[in-house]
Amino acid sequence: MPATLYLLPTPLADDTAPQVLPPQVVAAVAALPYFLVENARTARRFVKSVAPHRVIEEIRFTVIDKDSTDAEVRAALVPLVKEGLDAGILSEAGCPGIADPGAALVREAHRQGLRVVPLVGPSSLLLALMASGLNGQQFAFHGYLPIEKAPRVAAIKTLEREAQQRQQSQLFIETPYRNGALFADLLAHLQPGTRLCVAADVTGAGEFIKTLPVADWRRLPVPELHKIPTVFVIGT
């Protein structure tokens, strides 16, 4: 039987593991001998917090991040292919493979004939869409919008047209310290009747999720989004 690659969700907010991680994830973290991670330091800390009995020095960690090459991805899976070692992918936050470099590992695992098992856990994108009240039958995720203002404004207008013409919810994110600039551009350039959902610190102590027409957002105080992980959704 081929080795198994487990996709292990991690909490979105600090100190929420008992509330958001099901027993299957905890059991896998407590048992797997090998982890493929975005950041070794935070991954070790997470493993120790979930499975305090484990000796971290006895666990193998390999870093695969957005800058990893195809050769590094293939090499990271050698212990599964050659040694039959089961492994787990750990995202920095949320579900591996969703807006996450773990997708490259999963793609290679399928190519190598490995067994891939996704485990249930928190996804800020799906939780934001669930809570938005916008169309959950038709939606698209666009990752990060352009950094420069003119291309960003053009992207916002394009997504608004997509939402109107396809009746499709449009999800996107921003580097947390640029949330304020993105939110300002959304209010300045979306049409008054377009509905905007802001989902910040999802599952965290300061969770803020609100969906309103842009005209209503313009009349309210600006929410505190600086350095807070946030998902934005626009729809009709």
Foldseek 3Di string as FASTA:
>chain_A
DAAEEEWAADAAAPPCCVPWHDPVNLVCLQDAQEEEEQDVVLVLVRSCVSHVVDDSVRHYYHYDFPPDDLVSLVVSCCCRLPVVGHYYYYYSHGTDPDLTRNVSNVVVCVVSVHHYHYDDGDDLVVVLVVPQPADPVAEDEDEAFDPDDVSNLVVLVVVLVCQVVVVYKYKYWYQQQCVVVSVVSNLVRDDQQKKKWKFWPVVHPPTDIDIDGSVVVVVDDDDDRHNTTIMMMIHD
